[in-house]
Amino acid sequence: MKNLEGAARILDRLRAQGFTFALDDFGSGYSSLNHLQRLPVDRLKIDILFVREMLLGSRQRAMVAAIIGMARALGIEVLAEGVEHPDQASELAGLGCDTVQGYWYGRPVSAAEFAGTWLARK
């Protein structure tokens, strides 16, 4: 990430071959507005800390709403990480979040358990 222009060129070449890209943990660490502006990102993943705090007050909810609104305006899909309660899922849906993931929907399972549950169905 020290050379965003070089990274963007590489990602553009990969995108031309059919790859898509997500900017993970948006709002914390190295995921910044600068990265969102300069890299060819298809999906933005809202950091779990924002999702955990979004129901605590109007400022926290406004942050999540702003992230979703900005991504929508840029034509970027939005995924929220760490959804653990139905109220979070409902609020995110109301704000226009495209996709959610988290323990509310299921806990991690082994590959064998996943295959037995989901791939054996007819």
PDB file of N, CA and C in Angstrom:
ATOM      1  N   MET A   1       0.807  -1.194   0.000  1.00  0.00           N
ATOM      2  CA  MET A   1       0.000   0.000   0.000  1.00  0.00           C
ATOM      3  C   MET A   1       0.855   1.264   0.000  1.00  0.00           C
ATOM      4  N   LYS A   2       2.149   1.093   0.007  1.00  0.00           N
ATOM      5  CA  LYS A   2       3.024   2.251  -0.058  1.00  0.00           C
ATOM      6  C   LYS A   2       3.013   2.880  -1.444  1.00  0.00           C
ATOM      7  N   ASN A   3       2.686   2.098  -2.466  1.00  0.00           N
ATOM      8  CA  ASN A   3       2.658   2.587  -3.839  1.00  0.00           C
ATOM      9  C   ASN A   3       1.247   2.368  -4.402  1.00  0.00           C
ATOM     10  N   LEU A   4       0.343   3.283  -4.084  1.00  0.00           N
ATOM     11  CA  LEU A   4      -1.046   3.125  -4.510  1.00  0.00           C
ATOM     12  C   LEU A   4      -1.207   3.134  -6.022  1.00  0.00           C
ATOM     13  N   GLU A   5      -0.435   3.944  -6.693  1.00  0.00           N
ATOM     14  CA  GLU A   5      -0.549   4.009  -8.153  1.00  0.00           C
ATOM     15  C   GLU A   5      -0.150   2.671  -8.780  1.00  0.00           C
ATOM     16  N   GLY A   6       0.934   2.091  -8.288  1.00  0.00           N
ATOM     17  CA  GLY A   6       1.364   0.783  -8.786  1.00  0.00           C
ATOM     18  C   GLY A   6       0.345  -0.300  -8.460  1.00  0.00           C
ATOM     19  N   ALA A   7      -0.181  -0.260  -7.248  1.00  0.00           N
ATOM     20  CA  ALA A   7      -1.204  -1.231  -6.843  1.00  0.00           C
ATOM     21  C   ALA A   7      -2.437  -1.093  -7.726  1.00  0.00           C
ATOM     22  N   ALA A   8      -2.841   0.147  -7.996  1.00  0.00           N
ATOM     23  CA  ALA A   8      -4.016   0.376  -8.839  1.00  0.00           C
ATOM     24  C   ALA A   8      -3.816  -0.188 -10.239  1.00  0.00           C
ATOM     25  N   ARG A   9      -2.624  -0.025 -10.790  1.00  0.00           N
ATOM     26  CA  ARG A   9      -2.339  -0.574 -12.137  1.00  0.00           C
ATOM     27  C   ARG A   9      -2.450  -2.099 -12.135  1.00  0.00           C
ATOM     28  N   ILE A  10      -1.891  -2.729 -11.120  1.00  0.00           N
ATOM     29  CA  ILE A  10      -1.962  -4.193 -11.016  1.00  0.00           C
ATOM     30  C   ILE A  10      -3.412  -4.649 -10.873  1.00  0.00           C
ATOM     31  N   LEU A  11      -4.164  -3.978 -10.000  1.00  0.00           N
ATOM     32  CA  LEU A  11      -5.567  -4.339  -9.805  1.00  0.00           C
ATOM     33  C   LEU A  11      -6.384  -4.119 -11.074  1.00  0.00           C
ATOM     34  N   ASP A  12      -6.088  -3.054 -11.817  1.00  0.00           N
ATOM     35  CA  ASP A  12      -6.787  -2.818 -13.086  1.00  0.00           C
ATOM     36  C   ASP A  12      -6.536  -3.961 -14.070  1.00  0.00           C
ATOM     37  N   ARG A  13      -5.297  -4.446 -14.129  1.00  0.00           N
ATOM     38  CA  ARG A  13      -4.983  -5.569 -15.030  1.00  0.00           C
ATOM     39  C   ARG A  13      -5.726  -6.837 -14.585  1.00  0.00           C
ATOM     40  N   LEU A  14      -5.772  -7.081 -13.288  1.00  0.00           N
ATOM     41  CA  LEU A  14      -6.488  -8.246 -12.784  1.00  0.00           C
ATOM     42  C   LEU A  14      -7.995  -8.112 -13.015  1.00  0.00           C
ATOM     43  N   ARG A  15      -8.509  -6.918 -12.834  1.00  0.00           N
ATOM     44  CA  ARG A  15      -9.929  -6.679 -13.065  1.00  0.00           C
ATOM     45  C   ARG A  15     -10.287  -6.967 -14.521  1.00  0.00           C
ATOM     46  N   ALA A  16      -9.406  -6.610 -15.440  1.00  0.00           N
ATOM     47  CA  ALA A  16      -9.630  -6.876 -16.865  1.00  0.00           C
ATOM     48  C   ALA A  16      -9.720  -8.373 -17.143  1.00  0.00           C
ATOM     49  N   GLN A  17      -9.173  -9.186 -16.248  1.00  0.00           N
ATOM     50  CA  GLN A  17      -9.228 -10.638 -16.382  1.00  0.00           C
ATOM     51  C   GLN A  17     -10.416 -11.233 -15.626  1.00  0.00           C
ATOM     52  N   GLY A  18     -11.257 -10.383 -15.024  1.00  0.00           N
ATOM     53  CA  GLY A  18     -12.466 -10.864 -14.382  1.00  0.00           C
ATOM     54  C   GLY A  18     -12.454 -10.884 -12.862  1.00  0.00           C
ATOM     55  N   PHE A  19     -11.365 -10.467 -12.244  1.00  0.00           N
ATOM     56  CA  PHE A  19     -11.308 -10.436 -10.787  1.00  0.00           C
ATOM     57  C   PHE A  19     -12.094  -9.244 -10.253  1.00  0.00           C
ATOM     58  N   THR A  20     -12.616  -9.382  -9.040  1.00  0.00           N
ATOM     59  CA  THR A  20     -13.247  -8.271  -8.342  1.00  0.00           C
ATOM     60  C   THR A  20     -12.515  -8.086  -7.018  1.00  0.00           C
ATOM     61  N   PHE A  21     -12.684  -6.888  -6.429  1.00  0.00           N
ATOM     62  CA  PHE A  21     -11.909  -6.563  -5.234  1.00  0.00           C
ATOM     63  C   PHE A  21     -12.765  -5.928  -4.158  1.00  0.00           C
ATOM     64  N   ALA A  22     -12.435  -6.269  -2.921  1.00  0.00           N
ATOM     65  CA  ALA A  22     -13.100  -5.688  -1.758  1.00  0.00           C
ATOM     66  C   ALA A  22     -12.078  -4.948  -0.914  1.00  0.00           C
ATOM     67  N   LEU A  23     -12.496  -3.819  -0.373  1.00  0.00           N
ATOM     68  CA  LEU A  23     -11.669  -3.076   0.567  1.00  0.00           C
ATOM     69  C   LEU A  23     -12.146  -3.477   1.953  1.00  0.00           C
ATOM     70  N   ASP A  24     -11.327  -4.246   2.654  1.00  0.00           N
ATOM     71  CA  ASP A  24     -11.699  -4.852   3.933  1.00  0.00           C
ATOM     72  C   ASP A  24     -11.488  -3.878   5.085  1.00  0.00           C
ATOM     73  N   ASP A  25     -12.274  -4.073   6.146  1.00  0.00           N
ATOM     74  CA  ASP A  25     -12.150  -3.305   7.392  1.00  0.00           C
ATOM     75  C   ASP A  25     -12.211  -1.803   7.155  1.00  0.00           C
ATOM     76  N   PHE A  26     -13.130  -1.378   6.274  1.00  0.00           N
ATOM     77  CA  PHE A  26     -13.193   0.047   5.951  1.00  0.00           C
ATOM     78  C   PHE A  26     -13.512   0.862   7.196  1.00  0.00           C
ATOM     79  N   GLY A  27     -12.776   1.953   7.328  1.00  0.00           N
ATOM     80  CA  GLY A  27     -12.956   2.853   8.453  1.00  0.00           C
ATOM     81  C   GLY A  27     -11.906   2.692   9.527  1.00  0.00           C
ATOM     82  N   SER A  28     -11.066   1.689   9.393  1.00  0.00           N
ATOM     83  CA  SER A  28     -10.016   1.477  10.398  1.00  0.00           C
ATOM     84  C   SER A  28      -8.716   1.104   9.702  1.00  0.00           C
ATOM     85  N   GLY A  29      -7.632   1.252  10.403  1.00  0.00           N
ATOM     86  CA  GLY A  29      -6.329   0.831   9.893  1.00  0.00           C
ATOM     87  C   GLY A  29      -5.953   1.482   8.583  1.00  0.00           C
ATOM     88  N   TYR A  30      -5.570   0.664   7.611  1.00  0.00           N
ATOM     89  CA  TYR A  30      -5.085   1.161   6.329  1.00  0.00           C
ATOM     90  C   TYR A  30      -6.193   1.421   5.315  1.00  0.00           C
ATOM     91  N   SER A  31      -7.423   1.082   5.644  1.00  0.00           N
ATOM     92  CA  SER A  31      -8.534   1.324   4.724  1.00  0.00           C
ATOM     93  C   SER A  31      -9.004   2.763   4.884  1.00  0.00           C
ATOM     94  N   SER A  32      -8.693   3.592   3.931  1.00  0.00           N
ATOM     95  CA  SER A  32      -9.005   5.008   4.038  1.00  0.00           C
ATOM     96  C   SER A  32      -9.759   5.500   2.812  1.00  0.00           C
ATOM     97  N   LEU A  33     -10.229   6.740   2.896  1.00  0.00           N
ATOM     98  CA  LEU A  33     -10.889   7.358   1.746  1.00  0.00           C
ATOM     99  C   LEU A  33      -9.942   7.449   0.559  1.00  0.00           C
ATOM    100  N   ASN A  34      -8.677   7.660   0.826  1.00  0.00           N
ATOM    101  CA  ASN A  34      -7.683   7.723  -0.238  1.00  0.00           C
ATOM    102  C   ASN A  34      -7.632   6.403  -1.005  1.00  0.00           C
ATOM    103  N   HIS A  35      -7.650   5.284  -0.289  1.00  0.00           N
ATOM    104  CA  HIS A  35      -7.644   3.975  -0.949  1.00  0.00           C
ATOM    105  C   HIS A  35      -8.924   3.771  -1.758  1.00  0.00           C
ATOM    106  N   LEU A  36     -10.032   4.199  -1.179  1.00  0.00           N
ATOM    107  CA  LEU A  36     -11.312   4.045  -1.863  1.00  0.00           C
ATOM    108  C   LEU A  36     -11.340   4.856  -3.156  1.00  0.00           C
ATOM    109  N   GLN A  37     -10.734   6.016  -3.128  1.00  0.00           N
ATOM    110  CA  GLN A  37     -10.710   6.891  -4.290  1.00  0.00           C
ATOM    111  C   GLN A  37      -9.760   6.400  -5.367  1.00  0.00           C
ATOM    112  N   ARG A  38      -8.656   5.806  -4.989  1.00  0.00           N
ATOM    113  CA  ARG A  38      -7.594   5.506  -5.956  1.00  0.00           C
ATOM    114  C   ARG A  38      -7.563   4.063  -6.431  1.00  0.00           C
ATOM    115  N   LEU A  39      -8.164   3.144  -5.706  1.00  0.00           N
ATOM    116  CA  LEU A  39      -8.108   1.735  -6.089  1.00  0.00           C
ATOM    117  C   LEU A  39      -9.427   1.295  -6.721  1.00  0.00           C
ATOM    118  N   PRO A  40      -9.371   0.387  -7.694  1.00  0.00           N
ATOM    119  CA  PRO A  40     -10.588  -0.099  -8.345  1.00  0.00           C
ATOM    120  C   PRO A  40     -11.308  -1.120  -7.459  1.00  0.00           C
ATOM    121  N   VAL A  41     -12.106  -0.618  -6.555  1.00  0.00           N
ATOM    122  CA  VAL A  41     -12.770  -1.447  -5.553  1.00  0.00           C
ATOM    123  C   VAL A  41     -14.208  -1.708  -5.971  1.00  0.00           C
ATOM    124  N   ASP A  42     -14.645  -2.970  -5.856  1.00  0.00           N
ATOM    125  CA  ASP A  42     -16.011  -3.357  -6.194  1.00  0.00           C
ATOM    126  C   ASP A  42     -16.911  -3.441  -4.966  1.00  0.00           C
ATOM    127  N   ARG A  43     -16.301  -3.755  -3.836  1.00  0.00           N
ATOM    128  CA  ARG A  43     -17.061  -3.953  -2.602  1.00  0.00           C
ATOM    129  C   ARG A  43     -16.296  -3.349  -1.440  1.00  0.00           C
ATOM    130  N   LEU A  44     -17.036  -2.729  -0.565  1.00  0.00           N
ATOM    131  CA  LEU A  44     -16.472  -2.140   0.639  1.00  0.00           C
ATOM    132  C   LEU A  44     -17.014  -2.924   1.833  1.00  0.00           C
ATOM    133  N   LYS A  45     -16.127  -3.388   2.688  1.00  0.00           N
ATOM    134  CA  LYS A  45     -16.535  -4.132   3.875  1.00  0.00           C
ATOM    135  C   LYS A  45     -16.422  -3.222   5.097  1.00  0.00           C
ATOM    136  N   ILE A  46     -17.577  -2.905   5.700  1.00  0.00           N
ATOM    137  CA  ILE A  46     -17.594  -2.035   6.867  1.00  0.00           C
ATOM    138  C   ILE A  46     -16.993  -2.784   8.047  1.00  0.00           C
ATOM    139  N   ASP A  47     -16.036  -2.148   8.709  1.00  0.00           N
ATOM    140  CA  ASP A  47     -15.352  -2.763   9.834  1.00  0.00           C
ATOM    141  C   ASP A  47     -16.336  -3.162  10.927  1.00  0.00           C
ATOM    142  N   ILE A  48     -16.085  -4.286  11.547  1.00  0.00           N
ATOM    143  CA  ILE A  48     -16.940  -4.847  12.580  1.00  0.00           C
ATOM    144  C   ILE A  48     -17.174  -3.884  13.747  1.00  0.00           C
ATOM    145  N   LEU A  49     -16.193  -3.049  14.060  1.00  0.00           N
ATOM    146  CA  LEU A  49     -16.351  -2.111  15.173  1.00  0.00           C
ATOM    147  C   LEU A  49     -17.497  -1.134  14.922  1.00  0.00           C
ATOM    148  N   PHE A  50     -17.681  -0.689  13.682  1.00  0.00           N
ATOM    149  CA  PHE A  50     -18.795   0.202  13.357  1.00  0.00           C
ATOM    150  C   PHE A  50     -20.127  -0.522  13.504  1.00  0.00           C
ATOM    151  N   VAL A  51     -20.167  -1.782  13.069  1.00  0.00           N
ATOM    152  CA  VAL A  51     -21.405  -2.562  13.163  1.00  0.00           C
ATOM    153  C   VAL A  51     -21.757  -2.811  14.623  1.00  0.00           C
ATOM    154  N   ARG A  52     -20.781  -3.141  15.444  1.00  0.00           N
ATOM    155  CA  ARG A  52     -21.037  -3.401  16.867  1.00  0.00           C
ATOM    156  C   ARG A  52     -21.593  -2.184  17.584  1.00  0.00           C
ATOM    157  N   GLU A  53     -21.169  -1.000  17.179  1.00  0.00           N
ATOM    158  CA  GLU A  53     -21.558   0.220  17.891  1.00  0.00           C
ATOM    159  C   GLU A  53     -22.710   0.985  17.249  1.00  0.00           C
ATOM    160  N   MET A  54     -23.182   0.549  16.087  1.00  0.00           N
ATOM    161  CA  MET A  54     -24.148   1.345  15.331  1.00  0.00           C
ATOM    162  C   MET A  54     -25.480   1.575  16.038  1.00  0.00           C
ATOM    163  N   LEU A  55     -25.846   0.710  16.973  1.00  0.00           N
ATOM    164  CA  LEU A  55     -27.118   0.867  17.674  1.00  0.00           C
ATOM    165  C   LEU A  55     -26.972   1.578  19.017  1.00  0.00           C
ATOM    166  N   LEU A  56     -25.762   2.031  19.337  1.00  0.00           N
ATOM    167  CA  LEU A  56     -25.514   2.676  20.625  1.00  0.00           C
ATOM    168  C   LEU A  56     -25.924   4.141  20.659  1.00  0.00           C
ATOM    169  N   GLY A  57     -26.027   4.766  19.497  1.00  0.00           N
ATOM    170  CA  GLY A  57     -26.395   6.173  19.468  1.00  0.00           C
ATOM    171  C   GLY A  57     -26.487   6.713  18.063  1.00  0.00           C
ATOM    172  N   SER A  58     -26.977   7.934  17.954  1.00  0.00           N
ATOM    173  CA  SER A  58     -27.201   8.525  16.639  1.00  0.00           C
ATOM    174  C   SER A  58     -25.891   8.786  15.890  1.00  0.00           C
ATOM    175  N   ARG A  59     -24.832   9.133  16.609  1.00  0.00           N
ATOM    176  CA  ARG A  59     -23.552   9.374  15.929  1.00  0.00           C
ATOM    177  C   ARG A  59     -23.005   8.084  15.317  1.00  0.00           C
ATOM    178  N   GLN A  60     -23.088   6.989  16.052  1.00  0.00           N
ATOM    179  CA  GLN A  60     -22.592   5.713  15.553  1.00  0.00           C
ATOM    180  C   GLN A  60     -23.412   5.248  14.345  1.00  0.00           C
ATOM    181  N   ARG A  61     -24.738   5.412  14.427  1.00  0.00           N
ATOM    182  CA  ARG A  61     -25.602   5.039  13.303  1.00  0.00           C
ATOM    183  C   ARG A  61     -25.280   5.918  12.100  1.00  0.00           C
ATOM    184  N   ALA A  62     -25.053   7.209  12.344  1.00  0.00           N
ATOM    185  CA  ALA A  62     -24.751   8.139  11.258  1.00  0.00           C
ATOM    186  C   ALA A  62     -23.464   7.760  10.536  1.00  0.00           C
ATOM    187  N   MET A  63     -22.482   7.254  11.252  1.00  0.00           N
ATOM    188  CA  MET A  63     -21.222   6.828  10.615  1.00  0.00           C
ATOM    189  C   MET A  63     -21.485   5.687   9.637  1.00  0.00           C
ATOM    190  N   VAL A  64     -22.255   4.701  10.069  1.00  0.00           N
ATOM    191  CA  VAL A  64     -22.562   3.564   9.196  1.00  0.00           C
ATOM    192  C   VAL A  64     -23.394   4.033   8.010  1.00  0.00           C
ATOM    193  N   ALA A  65     -24.376   4.892   8.265  1.00  0.00           N
ATOM    194  CA  ALA A  65     -25.208   5.416   7.179  1.00  0.00           C
ATOM    195  C   ALA A  65     -24.357   6.192   6.178  1.00  0.00           C
ATOM    196  N   ALA A  66     -23.394   6.963   6.671  1.00  0.00           N
ATOM    197  CA  ALA A  66     -22.526   7.744   5.786  1.00  0.00           C
ATOM    198  C   ALA A  66     -21.646   6.842   4.926  1.00  0.00           C
ATOM    199  N   ILE A  67     -21.106   5.801   5.523  1.00  0.00           N
ATOM    200  CA  ILE A  67     -20.273   4.861   4.766  1.00  0.00           C
ATOM    201  C   ILE A  67     -21.092   4.199   3.665  1.00  0.00           C
ATOM    202  N   ILE A  68     -22.292   3.737   4.015  1.00  0.00           N
ATOM    203  CA  ILE A  68     -23.155   3.089   3.022  1.00  0.00           C
ATOM    204  C   ILE A  68     -23.538   4.074   1.926  1.00  0.00           C
ATOM    205  N   GLY A  69     -23.929   5.292   2.308  1.00  0.00           N
ATOM    206  CA  GLY A  69     -24.320   6.298   1.326  1.00  0.00           C
ATOM    207  C   GLY A  69     -23.192   6.663   0.383  1.00  0.00           C
ATOM    208  N   MET A  70     -21.991   6.814   0.930  1.00  0.00           N
ATOM    209  CA  MET A  70     -20.836   7.153   0.104  1.00  0.00           C
ATOM    210  C   MET A  70     -20.542   6.027  -0.894  1.00  0.00           C
ATOM    211  N   ALA A  71     -20.549   4.792  -0.408  1.00  0.00           N
ATOM    212  CA  ALA A  71     -20.278   3.656  -1.289  1.00  0.00           C
ATOM    213  C   ALA A  71     -21.332   3.565  -2.393  1.00  0.00           C
ATOM    214  N   ARG A  72     -22.589   3.757  -2.035  1.00  0.00           N
ATOM    215  CA  ARG A  72     -23.662   3.701  -3.036  1.00  0.00           C
ATOM    216  C   ARG A  72     -23.450   4.768  -4.101  1.00  0.00           C
ATOM    217  N   ALA A  73     -23.087   5.983  -3.658  1.00  0.00           N
ATOM    218  CA  ALA A  73     -22.869   7.081  -4.597  1.00  0.00           C
ATOM    219  C   ALA A  73     -21.712   6.790  -5.544  1.00  0.00           C
ATOM    220  N   LEU A  74     -20.758   5.992  -5.096  1.00  0.00           N
ATOM    221  CA  LEU A  74     -19.601   5.628  -5.914  1.00  0.00           C
ATOM    222  C   LEU A  74     -19.838   4.354  -6.729  1.00  0.00           C
ATOM    223  N   GLY A  75     -21.012   3.750  -6.589  1.00  0.00           N
ATOM    224  CA  GLY A  75     -21.319   2.524  -7.319  1.00  0.00           C
ATOM    225  C   GLY A  75     -20.611   1.304  -6.757  1.00  0.00           C
ATOM    226  N   ILE A  76     -20.340   1.325  -5.457  1.00  0.00           N
ATOM    227  CA  ILE A  76     -19.622   0.228  -4.793  1.00  0.00           C
ATOM    228  C   ILE A  76     -20.584  -0.529  -3.892  1.00  0.00           C
ATOM    229  N   GLU A  77     -20.565  -1.855  -3.972  1.00  0.00           N
ATOM    230  CA  GLU A  77     -21.380  -2.681  -3.084  1.00  0.00           C
ATOM    231  C   GLU A  77     -20.875  -2.556  -1.657  1.00  0.00           C
ATOM    232  N   VAL A  78     -21.780  -2.780  -0.692  1.00  0.00           N
ATOM    233  CA  VAL A  78     -21.422  -2.665   0.717  1.00  0.00           C
ATOM    234  C   VAL A  78     -21.727  -3.971   1.439  1.00  0.00           C
ATOM    235  N   LEU A  79     -20.754  -4.439   2.208  1.00  0.00           N
ATOM    236  CA  LEU A  79     -20.900  -5.617   3.056  1.00  0.00           C
ATOM    237  C   LEU A  79     -20.582  -5.197   4.486  1.00  0.00           C
ATOM    238  N   ALA A  80     -21.428  -5.566   5.427  1.00  0.00           N
ATOM    239  CA  ALA A  80     -21.187  -5.265   6.838  1.00  0.00           C
ATOM    240  C   ALA A  80     -20.714  -6.537   7.535  1.00  0.00           C
ATOM    241  N   GLU A  81     -19.611  -6.409   8.236  1.00  0.00           N
ATOM    242  CA  GLU A  81     -19.029  -7.545   8.968  1.00  0.00           C
ATOM    243  C   GLU A  81     -19.543  -7.563  10.404  1.00  0.00           C
ATOM    244  N   GLY A  82     -19.638  -8.758  10.971  1.00  0.00           N
ATOM    245  CA  GLY A  82     -19.887  -8.894  12.401  1.00  0.00           C
ATOM    246  C   GLY A  82     -21.315  -8.685  12.847  1.00  0.00           C
ATOM    247  N   VAL A  83     -22.291  -9.003  12.010  1.00  0.00           N
ATOM    248  CA  VAL A  83     -23.687  -8.869  12.408  1.00  0.00           C
ATOM    249  C   VAL A  83     -24.020 -10.021  13.357  1.00  0.00           C
ATOM    250  N   GLU A  84     -24.345  -9.654  14.591  1.00  0.00           N
ATOM    251  CA  GLU A  84     -24.582 -10.665  15.625  1.00  0.00           C
ATOM    252  C   GLU A  84     -25.987 -10.637  16.200  1.00  0.00           C
ATOM    253  N   HIS A  85     -26.785  -9.628  15.846  1.00  0.00           N
ATOM    254  CA  HIS A  85     -28.124  -9.473  16.418  1.00  0.00           C
ATOM    255  C   HIS A  85     -29.116  -9.087  15.325  1.00  0.00           C
ATOM    256  N   PRO A  86     -30.369  -9.491  15.477  1.00  0.00           N
ATOM    257  CA  PRO A  86     -31.371  -9.166  14.461  1.00  0.00           C
ATOM    258  C   PRO A  86     -31.582  -7.657  14.290  1.00  0.00           C
ATOM    259  N   ASP A  87     -31.431  -6.896  15.359  1.00  0.00           N
ATOM    260  CA  ASP A  87     -31.598  -5.440  15.245  1.00  0.00           C
ATOM    261  C   ASP A  87     -30.532  -4.830  14.336  1.00  0.00           C
ATOM    262  N   GLN A  88     -29.314  -5.359  14.397  1.00  0.00           N
ATOM    263  CA  GLN A  88     -28.250  -4.882  13.513  1.00  0.00           C
ATOM    264  C   GLN A  88     -28.605  -5.202  12.058  1.00  0.00           C
ATOM    265  N   ALA A  89     -29.042  -6.428  11.824  1.00  0.00           N
ATOM    266  CA  ALA A  89     -29.397  -6.845  10.463  1.00  0.00           C
ATOM    267  C   ALA A  89     -30.520  -5.989   9.911  1.00  0.00           C
ATOM    268  N   SER A  90     -31.527  -5.717  10.717  1.00  0.00           N
ATOM    269  CA  SER A  90     -32.662  -4.912  10.294  1.00  0.00           C
ATOM    270  C   SER A  90     -32.234  -3.475   9.989  1.00  0.00           C
ATOM    271  N   GLU A  91     -31.431  -2.895  10.847  1.00  0.00           N
ATOM    272  CA  GLU A  91     -30.963  -1.523  10.647  1.00  0.00           C
ATOM    273  C   GLU A  91     -30.117  -1.403   9.384  1.00  0.00           C
ATOM    274  N   LEU A  92     -29.221  -2.360   9.174  1.00  0.00           N
ATOM    275  CA  LEU A  92     -28.371  -2.339   7.985  1.00  0.00           C
ATOM    276  C   LEU A  92     -29.204  -2.468   6.714  1.00  0.00           C
ATOM    277  N   ALA A  93     -30.210  -3.330   6.745  1.00  0.00           N
ATOM    278  CA  ALA A  93     -31.097  -3.464   5.581  1.00  0.00           C
ATOM    279  C   ALA A  93     -31.813  -2.151   5.311  1.00  0.00           C
ATOM    280  N   GLY A  94     -32.277  -1.499   6.369  1.00  0.00           N
ATOM    281  CA  GLY A  94     -32.957  -0.220   6.222  1.00  0.00           C
ATOM    282  C   GLY A  94     -32.058   0.878   5.680  1.00  0.00           C
ATOM    283  N   LEU A  95     -30.767   0.782   5.962  1.00  0.00           N
ATOM    284  CA  LEU A  95     -29.805   1.767   5.470  1.00  0.00           C
ATOM    285  C   LEU A  95     -29.338   1.476   4.047  1.00  0.00           C
ATOM    286  N   GLY A  96     -29.739   0.322   3.501  1.00  0.00           N
ATOM    287  CA  GLY A  96     -29.383  -0.016   2.121  1.00  0.00           C
ATOM    288  C   GLY A  96     -28.123  -0.839   1.967  1.00  0.00           C
ATOM    289  N   CYS A  97     -27.672  -1.480   3.041  1.00  0.00           N
ATOM    290  CA  CYS A  97     -26.494  -2.344   2.970  1.00  0.00           C
ATOM    291  C   CYS A  97     -26.815  -3.553   2.085  1.00  0.00           C
ATOM    292  N   ASP A  98     -25.931  -3.862   1.150  1.00  0.00           N
ATOM    293  CA  ASP A  98     -26.181  -4.944   0.188  1.00  0.00           C
ATOM    294  C   ASP A  98     -26.091  -6.339   0.797  1.00  0.00           C
ATOM    295  N   THR A  99     -25.074  -6.551   1.627  1.00  0.00           N
ATOM    296  CA  THR A  99     -24.782  -7.885   2.141  1.00  0.00           C
ATOM    297  C   THR A  99     -24.294  -7.770   3.575  1.00  0.00           C
ATOM    298  N   VAL A 100     -24.600  -8.784   4.373  1.00  0.00           N
ATOM    299  CA  VAL A 100     -24.106  -8.825   5.746  1.00  0.00           C
ATOM    300  C   VAL A 100     -23.527 -10.202   6.020  1.00  0.00           C
ATOM    301  N   GLN A 101     -22.645 -10.247   7.000  1.00  0.00           N
ATOM    302  CA  GLN A 101     -22.112 -11.530   7.447  1.00  0.00           C
ATOM    303  C   GLN A 101     -21.919 -11.449   8.949  1.00  0.00           C
ATOM    304  N   GLY A 102     -22.007 -12.599   9.587  1.00  0.00           N
ATOM    305  CA  GLY A 102     -21.777 -12.608  11.020  1.00  0.00           C
ATOM    306  C   GLY A 102     -22.467 -13.778  11.702  1.00  0.00           C
ATOM    307  N   TYR A 103     -22.272 -13.857  12.999  1.00  0.00           N
ATOM    308  CA  TYR A 103     -22.785 -14.971  13.794  1.00  0.00           C
ATOM    309  C   TYR A 103     -24.313 -15.032  13.824  1.00  0.00           C
ATOM    310  N   TRP A 104     -25.003 -13.934  13.542  1.00  0.00           N
ATOM    311  CA  TRP A 104     -26.456 -13.989  13.503  1.00  0.00           C
ATOM    312  C   TRP A 104     -26.912 -14.992  12.449  1.00  0.00           C
ATOM    313  N   TYR A 105     -26.133 -15.155  11.402  1.00  0.00           N
ATOM    314  CA  TYR A 105     -26.488 -16.047  10.299  1.00  0.00           C
ATOM    315  C   TYR A 105     -25.849 -17.416  10.416  1.00  0.00           C
ATOM    316  N   GLY A 106     -24.754 -17.514  11.116  1.00  0.00           N
ATOM    317  CA  GLY A 106     -24.108 -18.807  11.278  1.00  0.00           C
ATOM    318  C   GLY A 106     -22.693 -18.672  11.789  1.00  0.00           C
ATOM    319  N   ARG A 107     -22.269 -19.646  12.505  1.00  0.00           N
ATOM    320  CA  ARG A 107     -20.910 -19.702  13.039  1.00  0.00           C
ATOM    321  C   ARG A 107     -20.009 -20.404  12.025  1.00  0.00           C
ATOM    322  N   PRO A 108     -18.718 -20.159  12.091  1.00  0.00           N
ATOM    323  CA  PRO A 108     -17.794 -20.869  11.200  1.00  0.00           C
ATOM    324  C   PRO A 108     -17.905 -22.387  11.401  1.00  0.00           C
ATOM    325  N   VAL A 109     -17.789 -23.125  10.307  1.00  0.00           N
ATOM    326  CA  VAL A 109     -17.831 -24.582  10.362  1.00  0.00           C
ATOM    327  C   VAL A 109     -16.668 -25.142   9.543  1.00  0.00           C
ATOM    328  N   SER A 110     -16.359 -26.390   9.782  1.00  0.00           N
ATOM    329  CA  SER A 110     -15.295 -27.047   9.020  1.00  0.00           C
ATOM    330  C   SER A 110     -15.751 -27.250   7.574  1.00  0.00           C
ATOM    331  N   ALA A 111     -14.789 -27.483   6.706  1.00  0.00           N
ATOM    332  CA  ALA A 111     -15.104 -27.730   5.300  1.00  0.00           C
ATOM    333  C   ALA A 111     -15.998 -28.966   5.161  1.00  0.00           C
ATOM    334  N   ALA A 112     -15.723 -29.992   5.945  1.00  0.00           N
ATOM    335  CA  ALA A 112     -16.517 -31.222   5.874  1.00  0.00           C
ATOM    336  C   ALA A 112     -17.964 -30.966   6.301  1.00  0.00           C
ATOM    337  N   GLU A 113     -18.151 -30.195   7.363  1.00  0.00           N
ATOM    338  CA  GLU A 113     -19.507 -29.893   7.816  1.00  0.00           C
ATOM    339  C   GLU A 113     -20.249 -29.043   6.786  1.00  0.00           C
ATOM    340  N   PHE A 114     -19.556 -28.076   6.216  1.00  0.00           N
ATOM    341  CA  PHE A 114     -20.164 -27.241   5.182  1.00  0.00           C
ATOM    342  C   PHE A 114     -20.600 -28.113   3.991  1.00  0.00           C
ATOM    343  N   ALA A 115     -19.697 -28.971   3.527  1.00  0.00           N
ATOM    344  CA  ALA A 115     -20.016 -29.836   2.386  1.00  0.00           C
ATOM    345  C   ALA A 115     -21.191 -30.742   2.696  1.00  0.00           C
ATOM    346  N   GLY A 116     -21.212 -31.307   3.899  1.00  0.00           N
ATOM    347  CA  GLY A 116     -22.311 -32.193   4.270  1.00  0.00           C
ATOM    348  C   GLY A 116     -23.654 -31.491   4.358  1.00  0.00           C
ATOM    349  N   THR A 117     -23.626 -30.257   4.789  1.00  0.00           N
ATOM    350  CA  THR A 117     -24.858 -29.492   4.940  1.00  0.00           C
ATOM    351  C   THR A 117     -25.323 -28.862   3.638  1.00  0.00           C
ATOM    352  N   TRP A 118     -24.429 -28.263   2.876  1.00  0.00           N
ATOM    353  CA  TRP A 118     -24.824 -27.440   1.735  1.00  0.00           C
ATOM    354  C   TRP A 118     -24.594 -28.086   0.370  1.00  0.00           C
ATOM    355  N   LEU A 119     -23.593 -28.922   0.248  1.00  0.00           N
ATOM    356  CA  LEU A 119     -23.278 -29.466  -1.070  1.00  0.00           C
ATOM    357  C   LEU A 119     -23.976 -30.801  -1.357  1.00  0.00           C
ATOM    358  N   ALA A 120     -24.470 -31.459  -0.331  1.00  0.00           N
ATOM    359  CA  ALA A 120     -25.125 -32.750  -0.521  1.00  0.00           C
ATOM    360  C   ALA A 120     -26.603 -32.600  -0.854  1.00  0.00           C
ATOM    361  N   ARG A 121     -27.131 -31.391  -0.801  1.00  0.00           N
ATOM    362  CA  ARG A 121     -28.564 -31.168  -1.067  1.00  0.00           C
ATOM    363  C   ARG A 121     -28.873 -31.335  -2.550  1.00  0.00           C
ATOM    364  N   LYS A 122     -30.089 -31.828  -2.814  1.00  0.00           N
ATOM    365  CA  LYS A 122     -30.535 -31.995  -4.202  1.00  0.00           C
ATOM    366  C   LYS A 122     -31.778 -31.207  -4.430  1.00  0.00           C
TER     367      LYS A 122
END
